[in-house]
Amino acid sequence: MIKTGLLFGSFNPIHIAHLAIAGYIKEFESMDQVWFIVSPRNPFKNPEKLISPAARLEMTRLAIEEYPAFMVSDIEFNMPRPSYTINTLDKLAQKYPERDFYLIIGTDNISSIGHWKGGETLIKEQKFLIYPRLDTDNSRLNQFSDARLVNAPLIELSSTFIRESILQGKDMRAFVPRGAYNYIKKNGFYTVRGN
């Protein structure tokens, strides 16, 4: 089986913490690959604050192009919206039976995953790799059937911070992979409130 980590996100925009987490898990948790699953419409995110799904997909592709073990997936682009992780995992399992999938989440999701569609099923049946976030409650970790808390570096960086900083005219190239940042600048993303 090909061990494959799955990092879901809106990636609005993708940033260096995403790559650092994926890189750590690839190298230190013995994954063969890490896939970035771009969610066109996350049920927990305000769609008015998202740039187009196609732009976020391209931005993610540009961000990871120098990393052969990383892949970007548009599997949710041909699925009903909003996107539900459990449905995507079912489709991935059907499409790629040779792969052993591990869902990568932060500790901030431990307490909320029970509220996801099919969350209790995920907790019982899915393999998880869980990376640390500040000020999060790990008390529910023992309810997961197959979860490992990884010792990844603690990096507190958010897409919201990057969007707000770009809106203020800040140079954020140190926080966003070069290809993605050039794409943001070229298209003027996040320079107007609400995009």
Protein backbone atom coordinates (compact mmCIF):
# COMPACT_ATOMS: atom_id res chain seq x y z
CA MET A 1 0.00 0.00 0.00
CA ILE A 2 1.18 3.53 -0.79
CA LYS A 3 1.05 5.59 2.40
CA THR A 4 -0.58 8.91 1.52
CA GLY A 5 -1.25 11.82 3.84
CA LEU A 6 -4.24 14.03 3.04
CA LEU A 7 -4.20 17.71 3.95
CA PHE A 8 -7.60 19.26 3.26
CA GLY A 9 -8.10 23.01 3.06
CA SER A 10 -9.49 26.05 1.33
CA PHE A 11 -5.88 27.24 0.92
CA ASN A 12 -7.01 30.86 0.74
CA PRO A 13 -4.07 31.30 0.40
CA ILE A 14 -1.73 28.37 0.92
CA HIS A 15 1.25 29.37 3.09
CA ILE A 16 4.55 28.10 4.43
CA ALA A 17 3.01 26.46 7.50
CA HIS A 18 0.97 24.19 5.23
CA LEU A 19 4.16 23.11 3.47
CA ALA A 20 6.09 22.73 6.72
CA ILE A 21 3.42 20.46 8.21
CA ALA A 22 3.18 18.41 5.01
CA GLY A 23 6.96 18.16 4.80
CA TYR A 24 7.32 17.09 8.42
CA ILE A 25 4.64 14.42 8.08
CA LYS A 26 6.09 13.15 4.81
CA GLU A 27 9.60 12.80 6.24
CA PHE A 28 8.98 11.87 9.88
CA GLU A 29 5.77 9.83 9.58
CA SER A 30 7.00 7.76 6.62
CA MET A 31 4.44 8.88 4.07
CA ASP A 32 5.14 8.14 0.42
CA GLN A 33 3.19 11.24 -0.61
CA VAL A 34 1.15 14.09 0.83
CA TRP A 35 -1.84 15.29 -1.16
CA PHE A 36 -3.30 18.77 -0.82
CA ILE A 37 -7.07 18.44 -1.24
CA VAL A 38 -8.39 21.84 -2.29
CA SER A 39 -11.95 22.32 -1.04
CA PRO A 40 -14.00 24.50 -3.40
CA ARG A 41 -16.59 25.13 -0.69
CA ASN A 42 -15.94 24.24 2.94
CA PRO A 43 -19.23 24.15 4.91
CA PHE A 44 -17.55 25.97 7.82
CA LYS A 45 -16.10 28.83 5.75
CA ASN A 46 -17.80 32.00 4.51
CA PRO A 47 -17.84 31.65 0.69
CA GLU A 48 -17.74 35.44 0.28
CA LYS A 49 -14.20 35.49 1.70
CA LEU A 50 -12.89 32.90 -0.76
CA ILE A 51 -11.29 33.66 -4.09
CA SER A 52 -12.40 31.33 -6.88
CA PRO A 53 -11.83 27.58 -6.47
CA ALA A 54 -9.85 27.52 -9.74
CA ALA A 55 -7.52 30.27 -8.49
CA ARG A 56 -6.94 28.49 -5.17
CA LEU A 57 -6.24 25.24 -6.99
CA GLU A 58 -3.69 26.94 -9.26
CA MET A 59 -2.10 28.77 -6.33
CA THR A 60 -1.69 25.47 -4.48
CA ARG A 61 -0.24 23.79 -7.57
CA LEU A 62 2.32 26.59 -7.92
CA ALA A 63 3.20 26.41 -4.22
CA ILE A 64 4.10 22.71 -4.30
CA GLU A 65 5.64 22.37 -7.77
CA GLU A 66 9.18 22.05 -6.37
CA TYR A 67 8.20 19.11 -4.12
CA PRO A 68 7.90 15.80 -6.00
CA ALA A 69 6.28 13.99 -3.05
CA PHE A 70 3.47 16.57 -2.85
CA MET A 71 0.41 16.52 -5.10
CA VAL A 72 -2.59 18.81 -5.44
CA SER A 73 -6.00 17.21 -5.94
CA ASP A 74 -9.17 18.67 -7.44
CA ILE A 75 -11.28 15.62 -6.55
CA GLU A 76 -13.85 17.78 -4.72
CA PHE A 77 -14.35 19.98 -7.79
CA ASN A 78 -16.56 17.29 -9.34
CA MET A 79 -18.50 16.53 -6.17
CA PRO A 80 -21.58 18.20 -4.64
CA ARG A 81 -20.90 21.37 -2.67
CA PRO A 82 -20.26 22.09 0.09
CA SER A 83 -17.52 19.47 0.42
CA TYR A 84 -17.72 16.89 3.19
CA THR A 85 -14.54 15.08 4.16
CA ILE A 86 -16.24 11.72 4.65
CA ASN A 87 -17.62 11.77 1.10
CA THR A 88 -14.25 12.73 -0.34
CA LEU A 89 -12.49 9.96 1.58
CA ASP A 90 -15.01 7.42 0.25
CA LYS A 91 -14.39 8.58 -3.31
CA LEU A 92 -10.62 8.52 -2.86
CA ALA A 93 -10.76 4.98 -1.44
CA GLN A 94 -12.79 3.81 -4.45
CA LYS A 95 -10.54 5.55 -6.97
CA TYR A 96 -7.20 4.61 -5.40
CA PRO A 97 -7.54 1.18 -3.71
CA GLU A 98 -3.73 0.80 -3.71
CA ARG A 99 -3.33 3.73 -1.31
CA ASP A 100 -3.46 3.79 2.47
CA PHE A 101 -4.87 7.24 3.36
CA TYR A 102 -4.08 9.18 6.54
CA LEU A 103 -6.11 12.28 7.35
CA ILE A 104 -3.91 15.16 8.55
CA ILE A 105 -5.62 17.53 10.98
CA GLY A 106 -4.60 19.97 13.69
CA THR A 107 -5.36 19.46 17.38
CA ASP A 108 -7.84 22.34 17.03
CA ASN A 109 -10.10 19.94 15.09
CA ILE A 110 -10.18 17.23 17.77
CA SER A 111 -13.10 18.74 19.68
CA SER A 112 -15.10 19.72 16.58
CA ILE A 113 -14.76 16.64 14.39
CA GLY A 114 -17.74 15.00 16.08
CA HIS A 115 -19.88 17.76 14.52
CA TRP A 116 -18.63 17.08 10.99
CA LYS A 117 -20.87 15.11 8.65
CA GLY A 118 -20.06 11.48 9.50
CA GLY A 119 -17.64 12.67 12.16
CA GLU A 120 -18.21 9.74 14.53
CA THR A 121 -17.63 7.31 11.65
CA LEU A 122 -14.37 9.08 10.80
CA ILE A 123 -13.25 8.86 14.45
CA LYS A 124 -13.89 5.10 14.45
CA GLU A 125 -12.67 4.14 10.96
CA GLN A 126 -10.16 6.67 9.62
CA LYS A 127 -6.40 6.84 10.25
CA PHE A 128 -5.33 10.25 11.57
CA LEU A 129 -2.06 12.14 11.88
CA ILE A 130 -2.64 15.06 14.23
CA TYR A 131 -0.28 18.03 14.46
CA PRO A 132 -0.10 20.48 17.40
CA ARG A 133 -1.85 23.84 17.58
CA LEU A 134 -1.73 26.35 20.43
CA ASP A 135 -4.42 26.44 23.11
CA THR A 136 -6.25 23.31 22.00
CA ASP A 137 -7.95 20.58 24.01
CA ASN A 138 -6.51 17.11 23.34
CA SER A 139 -8.75 15.32 25.84
CA ARG A 140 -10.81 13.66 23.11
CA LEU A 141 -7.79 12.15 21.38
CA ASN A 142 -8.28 8.78 23.09
CA GLN A 143 -11.69 8.43 21.40
CA PHE A 144 -10.03 8.05 18.00
CA SER A 145 -9.55 4.43 16.94
CA ASP A 146 -6.37 5.14 14.96
CA ALA A 147 -4.73 8.50 15.64
CA ARG A 148 -1.16 9.55 16.20
CA LEU A 149 -0.16 12.90 17.65
CA VAL A 150 2.89 13.96 15.63
CA ASN A 151 5.71 16.00 17.05
CA ALA A 152 5.66 18.56 14.26
CA PRO A 153 6.99 22.09 14.92
CA LEU A 154 4.37 24.44 16.31
CA ILE A 155 3.76 27.06 13.62
CA GLU A 156 1.00 29.54 14.29
CA LEU A 157 0.26 31.11 10.92
CA SER A 158 -3.13 31.55 9.30
CA SER A 159 -4.47 32.39 5.88
CA THR A 160 -6.59 35.09 7.56
CA PHE A 161 -3.44 36.81 8.84
CA ILE A 162 -1.89 36.71 5.36
CA ARG A 163 -5.03 38.05 3.65
CA GLU A 164 -5.35 40.90 6.16
CA SER A 165 -1.65 41.75 5.84
CA ILE A 166 -1.80 41.86 2.03
CA LEU A 167 -4.88 44.09 2.30
CA GLN A 168 -2.78 46.46 4.45
CA GLY A 169 -0.09 46.53 1.75
CA LYS A 170 2.41 44.37 3.67
CA ASP A 171 5.04 42.33 1.81
CA MET A 172 4.17 38.74 2.71
CA ARG A 173 6.55 36.88 0.40
CA ALA A 174 8.35 35.31 3.39
CA PHE A 175 5.08 33.64 4.43
CA VAL A 176 3.79 32.33 1.08
CA PRO A 177 5.63 29.98 -1.30
CA ARG A 178 7.19 31.93 -4.17
CA GLY A 179 5.05 30.61 -7.02
CA ALA A 180 1.83 31.16 -5.08
CA TYR A 181 2.89 34.64 -3.94
CA ASN A 182 3.77 35.73 -7.48
CA TYR A 183 0.35 34.46 -8.61
CA ILE A 184 -1.37 36.45 -5.84
CA LYS A 185 0.50 39.64 -6.79
CA LYS A 186 -0.06 39.18 -10.53
CA ASN A 187 -3.82 38.80 -10.02
CA GLY A 188 -4.22 41.39 -7.25
CA PHE A 189 -5.84 38.89 -4.87
CA TYR A 190 -6.69 40.02 -1.32
CA THR A 191 -6.12 43.71 -2.09
CA VAL A 192 -9.82 44.50 -1.73
CA ARG A 193 -11.76 43.55 1.40
CA GLY A 194 -13.89 40.47 0.85
CA ASN A 195 -11.73 38.79 -1.80
